[in-house]
């Protein structure tokens, strides 16, 4: 009797489907990074991924669907890095440095993702801050605690303050990646750390931050 390979066909088929999807995502990252959301062409992405246009639509209904998936994956990567930074430092004041370092490392290793996130021409209905929501949520919790404990000026709105800080952080890192000759990574990290600690909380409530991190970790 011949060997029955039917049990192996489904896993192999599934692996091939996943591989094709990943090739499309990788091609999408390159395209969105280079041409922006509106400049990205589905036909070009399919060609880069080595698939037919119809195959693209089997995985993503349009360019926005691919864009959303790319940002979701990047968010999971960044959230994982932030979780690791806080977990390693036990939520202590040292997590400030580790957190900023994690964002810098993420930017260094995922330059295309950062360019996509910084693209002001992304879909109007898409929240461009989604990629950095884990970081923003943590900073909001820290600022609220700081205001409550009297460490932060009561005139600061927690969400505005958090978004202003993260916006500055990303803008500076984005500049530094293209101008490494003007400052070392250590100078970049130290300056950003001093700026944060000049007005932000350094002894955040560990329980509050751990709760946020657990929520994000469960979504990944």
N, C-alpha and C. Protein backbone atom coordinates (compact mmCIF):
# COMPACT_ATOMS: atom_id res chain seq x y z
N UNK A 1 0.84 -1.20 0.00
CA UNK A 1 0.00 0.00 0.00
C UNK A 1 0.87 1.24 0.00
N UNK A 2 0.42 2.31 -0.73
CA UNK A 2 1.16 3.56 -0.76
C UNK A 2 0.97 4.34 0.53
N UNK A 3 1.91 5.16 0.81
CA UNK A 3 1.84 5.98 2.02
C UNK A 3 0.83 7.10 1.84
N UNK A 4 0.00 7.31 2.82
CA UNK A 4 -1.02 8.37 2.77
C UNK A 4 -0.43 9.66 3.34
N UNK A 5 -0.24 10.66 2.47
CA UNK A 5 0.34 11.94 2.90
C UNK A 5 -0.72 13.00 3.17
N UNK A 6 -1.99 12.58 3.19
CA UNK A 6 -3.08 13.56 3.31
C UNK A 6 -2.98 14.37 4.59
N UNK A 7 -2.47 13.74 5.67
CA UNK A 7 -2.40 14.45 6.94
C UNK A 7 -1.40 15.59 6.90
N UNK A 8 -0.41 15.50 5.98
CA UNK A 8 0.63 16.53 5.90
C UNK A 8 0.28 17.65 4.93
N UNK A 9 -0.74 17.41 4.09
CA UNK A 9 -1.06 18.39 3.05
C UNK A 9 -1.56 19.70 3.63
N UNK A 10 -2.43 19.64 4.63
CA UNK A 10 -3.00 20.86 5.19
C UNK A 10 -1.95 21.74 5.85
N UNK A 11 -1.07 21.18 6.71
CA UNK A 11 -0.04 22.03 7.31
C UNK A 11 0.86 22.68 6.28
N UNK A 12 1.26 21.92 5.24
CA UNK A 12 2.14 22.47 4.21
C UNK A 12 1.43 23.58 3.44
N UNK A 13 0.15 23.36 3.17
CA UNK A 13 -0.63 24.37 2.47
C UNK A 13 -0.74 25.63 3.32
N UNK A 14 -0.95 25.42 4.62
CA UNK A 14 -1.05 26.55 5.54
C UNK A 14 0.27 27.31 5.64
N UNK A 15 1.38 26.56 5.65
CA UNK A 15 2.70 27.18 5.71
C UNK A 15 2.94 28.03 4.48
N UNK A 16 2.55 27.52 3.31
CA UNK A 16 2.74 28.25 2.06
C UNK A 16 1.90 29.53 2.07
N UNK A 17 0.67 29.41 2.57
CA UNK A 17 -0.21 30.58 2.64
C UNK A 17 0.39 31.64 3.56
N UNK A 18 0.93 31.22 4.70
CA UNK A 18 1.56 32.15 5.63
C UNK A 18 2.79 32.80 5.01
N UNK A 19 3.55 31.99 4.27
CA UNK A 19 4.77 32.51 3.63
C UNK A 19 4.42 33.58 2.60
N UNK A 20 3.37 33.32 1.81
CA UNK A 20 2.95 34.29 0.79
C UNK A 20 2.46 35.57 1.46
N UNK A 21 1.68 35.41 2.51
CA UNK A 21 1.17 36.58 3.24
C UNK A 21 2.33 37.42 3.78
N UNK A 22 3.34 36.73 4.33
CA UNK A 22 4.49 37.45 4.88
C UNK A 22 5.27 38.17 3.78
N UNK A 23 5.37 37.56 2.62
CA UNK A 23 6.06 38.22 1.49
C UNK A 23 5.32 39.48 1.07
N UNK A 24 4.00 39.42 1.09
CA UNK A 24 3.19 40.59 0.75
C UNK A 24 3.39 41.69 1.79
N UNK A 25 3.40 41.29 3.06
CA UNK A 25 3.61 42.27 4.14
C UNK A 25 4.97 42.92 4.01
N UNK A 26 6.01 42.12 3.77
CA UNK A 26 7.36 42.67 3.63
C UNK A 26 7.45 43.63 2.46
N UNK A 27 6.81 43.27 1.35
CA UNK A 27 6.81 44.15 0.18
C UNK A 27 6.02 45.42 0.49
N UNK A 28 4.94 45.28 1.27
CA UNK A 28 4.14 46.44 1.65
C UNK A 28 4.92 47.40 2.52
N UNK A 29 5.69 46.86 3.45
CA UNK A 29 6.52 47.71 4.32
C UNK A 29 7.48 48.53 3.47
N UNK A 30 8.13 47.87 2.51
CA UNK A 30 9.07 48.59 1.63
C UNK A 30 8.36 49.67 0.82
N UNK A 31 7.19 49.33 0.31
CA UNK A 31 6.46 50.26 -0.55
C UNK A 31 5.92 51.46 0.22
N UNK A 32 5.28 51.21 1.37
CA UNK A 32 4.74 52.31 2.17
C UNK A 32 5.87 53.21 2.68
N UNK A 33 7.00 52.61 3.01
CA UNK A 33 8.13 53.38 3.51
C UNK A 33 8.70 54.29 2.42
N UNK A 34 8.80 53.77 1.23
CA UNK A 34 9.42 54.54 0.13
C UNK A 34 8.46 55.52 -0.53
N UNK A 35 7.21 55.11 -0.73
CA UNK A 35 6.28 55.92 -1.51
C UNK A 35 5.15 56.54 -0.69
N UNK A 36 5.01 56.17 0.58
CA UNK A 36 3.91 56.68 1.38
C UNK A 36 2.63 55.93 1.08
N UNK A 37 1.58 56.24 1.85
CA UNK A 37 0.32 55.52 1.69
C UNK A 37 -0.29 55.73 0.31
N UNK A 38 -0.37 56.98 -0.10
CA UNK A 38 -1.04 57.28 -1.37
C UNK A 38 -0.19 56.90 -2.58
N UNK A 39 1.12 56.82 -2.42
CA UNK A 39 2.00 56.46 -3.53
C UNK A 39 2.16 54.96 -3.70
N UNK A 40 1.76 54.20 -2.69
CA UNK A 40 1.88 52.75 -2.76
C UNK A 40 0.90 52.19 -3.78
N UNK A 41 1.38 51.29 -4.67
CA UNK A 41 0.55 50.67 -5.70
C UNK A 41 0.45 49.17 -5.42
N UNK A 42 -0.76 48.67 -5.34
CA UNK A 42 -0.97 47.26 -5.04
C UNK A 42 -0.29 46.36 -6.08
N UNK A 43 -0.37 46.73 -7.34
CA UNK A 43 0.25 45.92 -8.40
C UNK A 43 1.76 45.82 -8.20
N UNK A 44 2.38 46.92 -7.78
CA UNK A 44 3.82 46.93 -7.55
C UNK A 44 4.18 46.07 -6.34
N UNK A 45 3.34 46.12 -5.30
CA UNK A 45 3.58 45.31 -4.10
C UNK A 45 3.45 43.82 -4.45
N UNK A 46 2.43 43.47 -5.23
CA UNK A 46 2.23 42.08 -5.63
C UNK A 46 3.43 41.60 -6.45
N UNK A 47 3.89 42.44 -7.36
CA UNK A 47 5.04 42.08 -8.19
C UNK A 47 6.29 41.88 -7.33
N UNK A 48 6.51 42.78 -6.37
CA UNK A 48 7.66 42.68 -5.47
C UNK A 48 7.58 41.41 -4.62
N UNK A 49 6.37 41.04 -4.25
CA UNK A 49 6.18 39.84 -3.42
C UNK A 49 6.21 38.56 -4.25
N UNK A 50 6.20 38.72 -5.59
CA UNK A 50 6.24 37.55 -6.47
C UNK A 50 4.92 36.82 -6.58
N UNK A 51 3.81 37.57 -6.46
CA UNK A 51 2.49 36.96 -6.57
C UNK A 51 1.64 37.75 -7.56
N UNK A 52 0.53 37.13 -7.97
CA UNK A 52 -0.40 37.81 -8.88
C UNK A 52 -1.26 38.79 -8.09
N UNK A 53 -1.81 39.79 -8.79
CA UNK A 53 -2.69 40.76 -8.12
C UNK A 53 -3.83 40.07 -7.38
N UNK A 54 -4.39 39.03 -8.00
CA UNK A 54 -5.50 38.31 -7.39
C UNK A 54 -5.10 37.67 -6.08
N UNK A 55 -3.85 37.21 -6.01
CA UNK A 55 -3.37 36.58 -4.77
C UNK A 55 -3.29 37.61 -3.66
N UNK A 56 -2.90 38.84 -4.01
CA UNK A 56 -2.86 39.91 -3.01
C UNK A 56 -4.24 40.07 -2.38
N UNK A 57 -5.28 40.10 -3.22
CA UNK A 57 -6.63 40.34 -2.72
C UNK A 57 -7.20 39.14 -1.94
N UNK A 58 -6.57 37.99 -2.06
CA UNK A 58 -6.98 36.86 -1.23
C UNK A 58 -6.55 37.08 0.22
N UNK A 59 -5.53 37.92 0.41
CA UNK A 59 -4.98 38.17 1.74
C UNK A 59 -5.42 39.53 2.31
N UNK A 60 -5.53 40.54 1.44
CA UNK A 60 -5.90 41.89 1.89
C UNK A 60 -6.87 42.50 0.88
N UNK A 61 -7.97 43.06 1.41
CA UNK A 61 -9.00 43.55 0.51
C UNK A 61 -8.61 44.84 -0.21
N UNK A 62 -7.71 45.62 0.39
CA UNK A 62 -7.25 46.86 -0.23
C UNK A 62 -5.94 47.30 0.43
N UNK A 63 -5.44 48.47 0.05
CA UNK A 63 -4.16 48.92 0.61
C UNK A 63 -4.28 49.29 2.10
N UNK A 64 -5.45 49.78 2.49
CA UNK A 64 -5.64 50.16 3.88
C UNK A 64 -5.57 48.93 4.79
N UNK A 65 -6.09 47.80 4.32
CA UNK A 65 -6.06 46.57 5.11
C UNK A 65 -4.62 46.14 5.34
N UNK A 66 -3.79 46.25 4.31
CA UNK A 66 -2.38 45.90 4.45
C UNK A 66 -1.67 46.88 5.38
N UNK A 67 -1.98 48.15 5.23
CA UNK A 67 -1.39 49.19 6.08
C UNK A 67 -1.73 48.92 7.55
N UNK A 68 -2.97 48.60 7.83
CA UNK A 68 -3.41 48.35 9.19
C UNK A 68 -2.70 47.13 9.78
N UNK A 69 -2.51 46.10 8.97
CA UNK A 69 -1.83 44.89 9.46
C UNK A 69 -0.36 45.19 9.76
N UNK A 70 0.27 45.99 8.92
CA UNK A 70 1.67 46.35 9.14
C UNK A 70 1.82 47.13 10.44
N UNK A 71 0.93 48.07 10.68
CA UNK A 71 1.00 48.86 11.91
C UNK A 71 0.69 47.98 13.12
N UNK A 72 -0.24 47.02 12.96
CA UNK A 72 -0.56 46.12 14.07
C UNK A 72 0.67 45.30 14.46
N UNK A 73 1.38 44.78 13.47
CA UNK A 73 2.58 43.99 13.73
C UNK A 73 3.67 44.83 14.36
N UNK A 74 3.83 46.06 13.87
CA UNK A 74 4.84 46.95 14.43
C UNK A 74 4.50 47.31 15.87
N UNK A 75 3.22 47.52 16.14
CA UNK A 75 2.78 47.84 17.51
C UNK A 75 3.12 46.70 18.46
N UNK A 76 2.90 45.46 18.01
CA UNK A 76 3.21 44.30 18.83
C UNK A 76 4.71 44.23 19.12
N UNK A 77 5.52 44.55 18.11
CA UNK A 77 6.98 44.55 18.29
C UNK A 77 7.41 45.58 19.32
N UNK A 78 6.88 46.80 19.15
CA UNK A 78 7.26 47.88 20.06
C UNK A 78 6.76 47.61 21.47
N UNK A 79 5.51 47.14 21.59
CA UNK A 79 4.94 46.85 22.90
C UNK A 79 5.76 45.77 23.61
N UNK A 80 6.22 44.78 22.85
CA UNK A 80 7.03 43.71 23.42
C UNK A 80 8.35 44.27 23.96
N UNK A 81 8.95 45.20 23.22
CA UNK A 81 10.22 45.82 23.65
C UNK A 81 10.02 46.62 24.93
N UNK A 82 8.92 47.38 24.99
CA UNK A 82 8.63 48.20 26.16
C UNK A 82 8.35 47.31 27.37
N UNK A 83 7.58 46.24 27.13
CA UNK A 83 7.28 45.30 28.21
C UNK A 83 8.57 44.73 28.78
N UNK A 84 9.48 44.32 27.89
CA UNK A 84 10.75 43.74 28.33
C UNK A 84 11.57 44.75 29.13
N UNK A 85 11.57 46.01 28.69
CA UNK A 85 12.33 47.05 29.38
C UNK A 85 11.82 47.26 30.80
N UNK A 86 10.50 47.35 30.95
CA UNK A 86 9.91 47.56 32.28
C UNK A 86 10.05 46.32 33.15
N UNK A 87 9.85 45.16 32.54
CA UNK A 87 9.92 43.91 33.30
C UNK A 87 11.34 43.68 33.83
N UNK A 88 12.34 43.95 33.01
CA UNK A 88 13.73 43.74 33.40
C UNK A 88 14.12 44.68 34.53
N UNK A 89 13.58 45.91 34.49
CA UNK A 89 13.93 46.90 35.50
C UNK A 89 12.94 46.95 36.66
N UNK A 90 12.01 46.03 36.67
CA UNK A 90 11.08 45.93 37.79
C UNK A 90 10.19 47.14 37.96
N UNK A 91 9.98 47.92 36.89
CA UNK A 91 9.13 49.10 36.98
C UNK A 91 9.76 50.21 37.78
N UNK A 92 11.06 50.14 38.04
CA UNK A 92 11.73 51.17 38.85
C UNK A 92 12.02 52.40 38.01
N UNK A 93 12.60 53.43 38.67
CA UNK A 93 12.94 54.64 37.96
C UNK A 93 13.89 54.40 36.81
N UNK A 94 14.71 53.31 36.90
CA UNK A 94 15.63 52.98 35.83
C UNK A 94 14.91 52.61 34.54
N UNK A 95 13.61 52.31 34.65
CA UNK A 95 12.86 51.92 33.44
C UNK A 95 12.75 53.08 32.47
N UNK A 96 12.89 54.32 32.95
CA UNK A 96 12.88 55.48 32.05
C UNK A 96 13.94 55.32 30.98
N UNK A 97 15.16 55.05 31.40
CA UNK A 97 16.27 54.90 30.48
C UNK A 97 16.06 53.69 29.56
N UNK A 98 15.65 52.56 30.17
CA UNK A 98 15.44 51.34 29.39
C UNK A 98 14.33 51.53 28.37
N UNK A 99 13.30 52.27 28.75
CA UNK A 99 12.16 52.50 27.85
C UNK A 99 12.59 53.31 26.64
N UNK A 100 13.34 54.40 26.87
CA UNK A 100 13.81 55.23 25.76
C UNK A 100 14.77 54.45 24.89
N UNK A 101 15.64 53.67 25.52
CA UNK A 101 16.59 52.85 24.77
C UNK A 101 15.85 51.84 23.90
N UNK A 102 14.75 51.28 24.42
CA UNK A 102 13.95 50.30 23.66
C UNK A 102 13.36 50.95 22.42
N UNK A 103 12.90 52.20 22.55
CA UNK A 103 12.33 52.91 21.40
C UNK A 103 13.41 53.20 20.37
N UNK A 104 14.60 53.61 20.84
CA UNK A 104 15.71 53.89 19.91
C UNK A 104 16.10 52.62 19.17
N UNK A 105 16.20 51.51 19.90
CA UNK A 105 16.57 50.24 19.27
C UNK A 105 15.50 49.81 18.26
N UNK A 106 14.25 50.00 18.63
CA UNK A 106 13.16 49.66 17.71
C UNK A 106 13.31 50.46 16.42
N UNK A 107 13.58 51.77 16.56
CA UNK A 107 13.73 52.65 15.39
C UNK A 107 14.92 52.23 14.53
N UNK A 108 16.01 51.85 15.19
CA UNK A 108 17.21 51.43 14.45
C UNK A 108 16.94 50.15 13.66
N UNK A 109 16.23 49.22 14.27
CA UNK A 109 16.00 47.92 13.65
C UNK A 109 14.79 47.90 12.72
N UNK A 110 13.95 48.92 12.81
CA UNK A 110 12.71 48.96 12.01
C UNK A 110 12.52 50.35 11.40
N UNK A 111 13.53 50.82 10.65
CA UNK A 111 13.48 52.16 10.08
C UNK A 111 12.27 52.35 9.16
N UNK A 112 11.95 51.31 8.40
CA UNK A 112 10.81 51.42 7.49
C UNK A 112 9.51 51.59 8.27
N UNK A 113 9.36 50.87 9.37
CA UNK A 113 8.16 51.01 10.19
C UNK A 113 8.04 52.43 10.74
N UNK A 114 9.19 52.99 11.15
CA UNK A 114 9.18 54.35 11.70
C UNK A 114 8.78 55.35 10.63
N UNK A 115 9.29 55.18 9.42
CA UNK A 115 8.92 56.09 8.32
C UNK A 115 7.43 56.02 8.04
N UNK A 116 6.89 54.80 8.09
CA UNK A 116 5.46 54.62 7.86
C UNK A 116 4.66 55.33 8.95
N UNK A 117 5.09 55.17 10.19
CA UNK A 117 4.39 55.79 11.31
C UNK A 117 4.46 57.31 11.25
N UNK A 118 5.55 57.84 10.69
CA UNK A 118 5.74 59.28 10.62
C UNK A 118 5.08 59.89 9.38
N UNK A 119 4.51 59.05 8.53
CA UNK A 119 3.88 59.52 7.29
C UNK A 119 2.58 60.27 7.61
N UNK A 120 2.59 61.56 7.35
CA UNK A 120 1.41 62.38 7.65
C UNK A 120 0.28 62.17 6.64
N UNK A 121 0.56 61.44 5.57
CA UNK A 121 -0.46 61.23 4.53
C UNK A 121 -1.11 59.85 4.64
N UNK A 122 -0.99 59.21 5.79
CA UNK A 122 -1.64 57.92 5.97
C UNK A 122 -3.16 58.12 5.98
N UNK A 123 -3.95 57.04 5.93
CA UNK A 123 -5.42 57.17 5.82
C UNK A 123 -6.01 58.13 6.85
N UNK A 124 -6.91 58.99 6.38
CA UNK A 124 -7.51 60.00 7.26
C UNK A 124 -8.20 59.38 8.47
N UNK A 125 -8.81 58.21 8.28
CA UNK A 125 -9.56 57.57 9.36
C UNK A 125 -8.67 56.71 10.25
N UNK A 126 -7.36 56.66 9.91
CA UNK A 126 -6.45 55.80 10.66
C UNK A 126 -5.73 56.61 11.72
N UNK A 127 -5.73 56.09 12.96
CA UNK A 127 -5.06 56.76 14.06
C UNK A 127 -3.56 56.56 13.92
N UNK A 128 -2.86 57.61 13.50
CA UNK A 128 -1.43 57.51 13.23
C UNK A 128 -0.61 57.23 14.48
N UNK A 129 -1.21 57.38 15.64
CA UNK A 129 -0.47 57.15 16.88
C UNK A 129 -0.59 55.70 17.36
N UNK A 130 -1.35 54.87 16.63
CA UNK A 130 -1.59 53.50 17.08
C UNK A 130 -0.29 52.75 17.36
N UNK A 131 0.72 52.97 16.52
CA UNK A 131 1.98 52.26 16.69
C UNK A 131 2.61 52.55 18.05
N UNK A 132 2.39 53.76 18.55
CA UNK A 132 3.03 54.17 19.80
C UNK A 132 2.07 54.22 20.98
N UNK A 133 0.90 53.61 20.81
CA UNK A 133 -0.10 53.63 21.87
C UNK A 133 0.40 52.99 23.17
N UNK A 134 1.17 51.89 23.11
CA UNK A 134 1.66 51.32 24.38
C UNK A 134 2.49 52.33 25.16
N UNK A 135 3.35 53.04 24.46
CA UNK A 135 4.22 54.03 25.10
C UNK A 135 3.40 55.21 25.62
N UNK A 136 2.45 55.66 24.81
CA UNK A 136 1.60 56.79 25.20
C UNK A 136 0.76 56.43 26.43
N UNK A 137 0.18 55.23 26.44
CA UNK A 137 -0.65 54.80 27.57
C UNK A 137 0.16 54.77 28.87
N UNK A 138 1.38 54.29 28.78
CA UNK A 138 2.24 54.24 29.98
C UNK A 138 2.55 55.64 30.48
N UNK A 139 2.87 56.55 29.57
CA UNK A 139 3.21 57.91 29.96
C UNK A 139 2.01 58.64 30.57
N UNK A 140 0.82 58.39 30.01
CA UNK A 140 -0.39 59.01 30.57
C UNK A 140 -0.58 58.55 32.01
N UNK A 141 -0.42 57.24 32.25
CA UNK A 141 -0.58 56.70 33.61
C UNK A 141 0.45 57.31 34.55
N UNK A 142 1.69 57.46 34.08
CA UNK A 142 2.75 58.03 34.91
C UNK A 142 2.46 59.49 35.24
N UNK A 143 2.01 60.24 34.24
CA UNK A 143 1.73 61.66 34.47
C UNK A 143 0.54 61.85 35.41
N UNK A 144 -0.48 61.04 35.25
CA UNK A 144 -1.63 61.13 36.15
C UNK A 144 -1.20 60.87 37.59
N UNK A 145 -0.36 59.87 37.78
CA UNK A 145 0.14 59.55 39.12
C UNK A 145 0.99 60.70 39.65
N UNK A 146 1.80 61.29 38.76
CA UNK A 146 2.65 62.40 39.16
C UNK A 146 1.86 63.63 39.58
N UNK A 147 0.80 63.90 38.85
CA UNK A 147 -0.06 65.04 39.19
C UNK A 147 -0.76 64.79 40.52
N UNK A 148 -1.25 63.57 40.70
CA UNK A 148 -1.94 63.21 41.95
C UNK A 148 -1.01 63.33 43.16
N UNK A 149 0.26 62.93 42.97
CA UNK A 149 1.23 62.95 44.07
C UNK A 149 1.94 64.29 44.23
N UNK A 150 1.63 65.24 43.32
CA UNK A 150 2.25 66.55 43.42
C UNK A 150 3.62 66.66 42.79
N UNK A 151 4.01 65.67 41.99
CA UNK A 151 5.31 65.72 41.33
C UNK A 151 5.24 66.42 39.97
N UNK A 152 4.04 66.54 39.45
CA UNK A 152 3.85 67.15 38.13
C UNK A 152 2.88 68.32 38.25
N UNK A 153 3.16 69.39 37.51
CA UNK A 153 2.31 70.58 37.51
C UNK A 153 0.88 70.20 37.17
N UNK A 154 -0.07 70.66 37.98
CA UNK A 154 -1.48 70.34 37.75
C UNK A 154 -2.02 70.95 36.46
N UNK A 155 -1.29 71.89 35.88
CA UNK A 155 -1.74 72.52 34.64
C UNK A 155 -1.48 71.66 33.42
N UNK A 156 -0.75 70.56 33.59
CA UNK A 156 -0.44 69.68 32.46
C UNK A 156 -1.56 68.68 32.25
N UNK A 157 -2.06 68.61 31.04
CA UNK A 157 -3.07 67.61 30.68
C UNK A 157 -2.32 66.31 30.38
N UNK A 158 -2.60 65.22 31.09
CA UNK A 158 -1.83 63.98 30.93
C UNK A 158 -1.70 63.47 29.50
N UNK A 159 -2.80 63.43 28.76
CA UNK A 159 -2.71 62.89 27.40
C UNK A 159 -1.94 63.84 26.49
N UNK A 160 -2.20 65.14 26.61
CA UNK A 160 -1.48 66.10 25.78
C UNK A 160 0.02 66.05 26.11
N UNK A 161 0.33 66.00 27.41
CA UNK A 161 1.72 65.93 27.83
C UNK A 161 2.40 64.68 27.30
N UNK A 162 1.72 63.53 27.40
CA UNK A 162 2.29 62.27 26.93
C UNK A 162 2.52 62.30 25.43
N UNK A 163 1.53 62.79 24.68
CA UNK A 163 1.66 62.82 23.23
C UNK A 163 2.73 63.84 22.79
N UNK A 164 2.84 64.94 23.52
CA UNK A 164 3.87 65.92 23.19
C UNK A 164 5.25 65.31 23.40
N UNK A 165 5.42 64.62 24.51
CA UNK A 165 6.71 64.00 24.79
C UNK A 165 7.06 62.92 23.77
N UNK A 166 6.09 62.04 23.46
CA UNK A 166 6.35 60.96 22.52
C UNK A 166 6.60 61.52 21.12
N UNK A 167 5.85 62.57 20.76
CA UNK A 167 6.05 63.20 19.46
C UNK A 167 7.46 63.75 19.33
N UNK A 168 7.93 64.43 20.39
CA UNK A 168 9.28 64.96 20.41
C UNK A 168 10.30 63.83 20.32
N UNK A 169 10.07 62.78 21.09
CA UNK A 169 10.97 61.63 21.12
C UNK A 169 11.14 61.03 19.73
N UNK A 170 10.03 60.80 19.05
CA UNK A 170 10.07 60.18 17.73
C UNK A 170 10.70 61.09 16.69
N UNK A 171 10.37 62.38 16.77
CA UNK A 171 10.92 63.35 15.82
C UNK A 171 12.44 63.41 15.94
N UNK A 172 12.94 63.45 17.17
CA UNK A 172 14.39 63.53 17.40
C UNK A 172 15.08 62.25 16.93
N UNK A 173 14.49 61.10 17.25
CA UNK A 173 15.09 59.82 16.83
C UNK A 173 15.11 59.73 15.31
N UNK A 174 14.03 60.16 14.68
CA UNK A 174 13.93 60.14 13.22
C UNK A 174 15.03 61.01 12.62
N UNK A 175 15.27 62.18 13.21
CA UNK A 175 16.34 63.07 12.75
C UNK A 175 17.70 62.42 12.96
N UNK A 176 17.90 61.80 14.15
CA UNK A 176 19.19 61.22 14.49
C UNK A 176 19.58 60.08 13.55
N UNK A 177 18.62 59.28 13.14
CA UNK A 177 18.90 58.16 12.24
C UNK A 177 19.53 58.64 10.93
N UNK A 178 19.20 59.86 10.53
CA UNK A 178 19.75 60.41 9.29
C UNK A 178 20.96 61.31 9.56
N UNK A 179 21.29 61.54 10.84
CA UNK A 179 22.39 62.44 11.20
C UNK A 179 23.23 61.87 12.35
N UNK A 180 23.60 60.61 12.23
CA UNK A 180 24.35 59.95 13.30
C UNK A 180 25.70 60.60 13.57
N UNK A 181 26.23 61.31 12.57
CA UNK A 181 27.54 61.96 12.75
C UNK A 181 27.48 63.15 13.71
N UNK A 182 26.27 63.61 14.01
CA UNK A 182 26.13 64.79 14.86
C UNK A 182 26.00 64.46 16.34
N UNK A 183 25.72 63.22 16.66
CA UNK A 183 25.60 62.82 18.07
C UNK A 183 25.69 61.31 18.17
N UNK A 184 26.33 60.83 19.24
CA UNK A 184 26.40 59.38 19.46
C UNK A 184 25.06 58.88 20.00
N UNK A 185 24.88 57.59 19.97
CA UNK A 185 23.64 57.01 20.50
C UNK A 185 23.53 57.31 21.99
N UNK A 186 24.65 57.26 22.70
CA UNK A 186 24.63 57.53 24.13
C UNK A 186 24.24 58.98 24.41
N UNK A 187 24.71 59.91 23.59
CA UNK A 187 24.35 61.32 23.75
C UNK A 187 22.86 61.52 23.47
N UNK A 188 22.37 60.82 22.47
CA UNK A 188 20.95 60.88 22.14
C UNK A 188 20.12 60.38 23.32
N UNK A 189 20.48 59.22 23.84
CA UNK A 189 19.74 58.61 24.94
C UNK A 189 19.77 59.49 26.18
N UNK A 190 20.96 59.97 26.54
CA UNK A 190 21.11 60.79 27.75
C UNK A 190 20.32 62.10 27.66
N UNK A 191 20.36 62.73 26.48
CA UNK A 191 19.64 64.00 26.31
C UNK A 191 18.14 63.79 26.42
N UNK A 192 17.63 62.75 25.76
CA UNK A 192 16.20 62.46 25.83
C UNK A 192 15.79 62.11 27.26
N UNK A 193 16.66 61.40 27.96
CA UNK A 193 16.37 61.04 29.35
C UNK A 193 16.32 62.28 30.24
N UNK A 194 17.26 63.21 30.06
CA UNK A 194 17.28 64.45 30.84
C UNK A 194 16.04 65.29 30.55
N UNK A 195 15.64 65.34 29.28
CA UNK A 195 14.44 66.10 28.91
C UNK A 195 13.21 65.51 29.59
N UNK A 196 13.11 64.18 29.58
CA UNK A 196 11.96 63.53 30.22
C UNK A 196 11.96 63.83 31.72
N UNK A 197 13.08 63.68 32.37
CA UNK A 197 13.13 63.83 33.81
C UNK A 197 13.09 65.28 34.27
N UNK A 198 13.20 66.20 33.32
CA UNK A 198 13.14 67.61 33.70
C UNK A 198 11.71 68.02 34.06
N UNK A 199 10.72 67.22 33.66
CA UNK A 199 9.34 67.58 33.97
C UNK A 199 8.44 66.37 34.22
N UNK A 200 8.90 65.18 33.88
CA UNK A 200 8.04 64.01 34.01
C UNK A 200 8.37 63.20 35.24
N UNK A 201 7.43 62.35 35.63
CA UNK A 201 7.56 61.51 36.81
C UNK A 201 8.65 60.47 36.62
N UNK A 202 9.44 60.22 37.66
CA UNK A 202 10.48 59.20 37.58
C UNK A 202 10.20 58.01 38.50
N UNK A 203 9.20 58.14 39.37
CA UNK A 203 8.88 57.03 40.28
C UNK A 203 7.42 56.62 40.13
N UNK A 204 7.08 56.20 38.90
CA UNK A 204 5.69 55.85 38.60
C UNK A 204 5.21 54.67 39.44
N UNK A 205 3.91 54.63 39.63
CA UNK A 205 3.29 53.55 40.39
C UNK A 205 3.47 52.24 39.63
N UNK A 206 4.20 51.31 40.18
CA UNK A 206 4.52 50.07 39.50
C UNK A 206 3.27 49.27 39.16
N UNK A 207 2.32 49.21 40.07
CA UNK A 207 1.11 48.42 39.83
C UNK A 207 0.35 48.94 38.62
N UNK A 208 0.20 50.29 38.52
CA UNK A 208 -0.53 50.86 37.40
C UNK A 208 0.15 50.53 36.08
N UNK A 209 1.47 50.68 36.02
CA UNK A 209 2.20 50.42 34.78
C UNK A 209 2.17 48.94 34.44
N UNK A 210 2.32 48.08 35.44
CA UNK A 210 2.28 46.64 35.19
C UNK A 210 0.93 46.20 34.64
N UNK A 211 -0.14 46.84 35.11
CA UNK A 211 -1.47 46.53 34.60
C UNK A 211 -1.57 46.85 33.12
N UNK A 212 -1.05 48.04 32.74
CA UNK A 212 -1.07 48.44 31.33
C UNK A 212 -0.25 47.47 30.49
N UNK A 213 0.94 47.12 30.97
CA UNK A 213 1.80 46.23 30.23
C UNK A 213 1.16 44.86 30.06
N UNK A 214 0.48 44.39 31.10
CA UNK A 214 -0.19 43.09 31.02
C UNK A 214 -1.29 43.10 29.98
N UNK A 215 -2.01 44.23 29.90
CA UNK A 215 -3.08 44.36 28.91
C UNK A 215 -2.52 44.28 27.51
N UNK A 216 -1.40 44.99 27.28
CA UNK A 216 -0.80 45.00 25.95
C UNK A 216 -0.20 43.63 25.63
N UNK A 217 0.42 43.00 26.65
CA UNK A 217 1.05 41.72 26.43
C UNK A 217 0.02 40.66 26.02
N UNK A 218 -1.19 40.78 26.58
CA UNK A 218 -2.23 39.79 26.28
C UNK A 218 -2.78 39.94 24.86
N UNK A 219 -2.54 41.10 24.23
CA UNK A 219 -3.05 41.33 22.88
C UNK A 219 -2.08 40.86 21.80
N UNK A 220 -0.84 40.60 22.19
CA UNK A 220 0.17 40.25 21.21
C UNK A 220 0.14 38.76 20.88
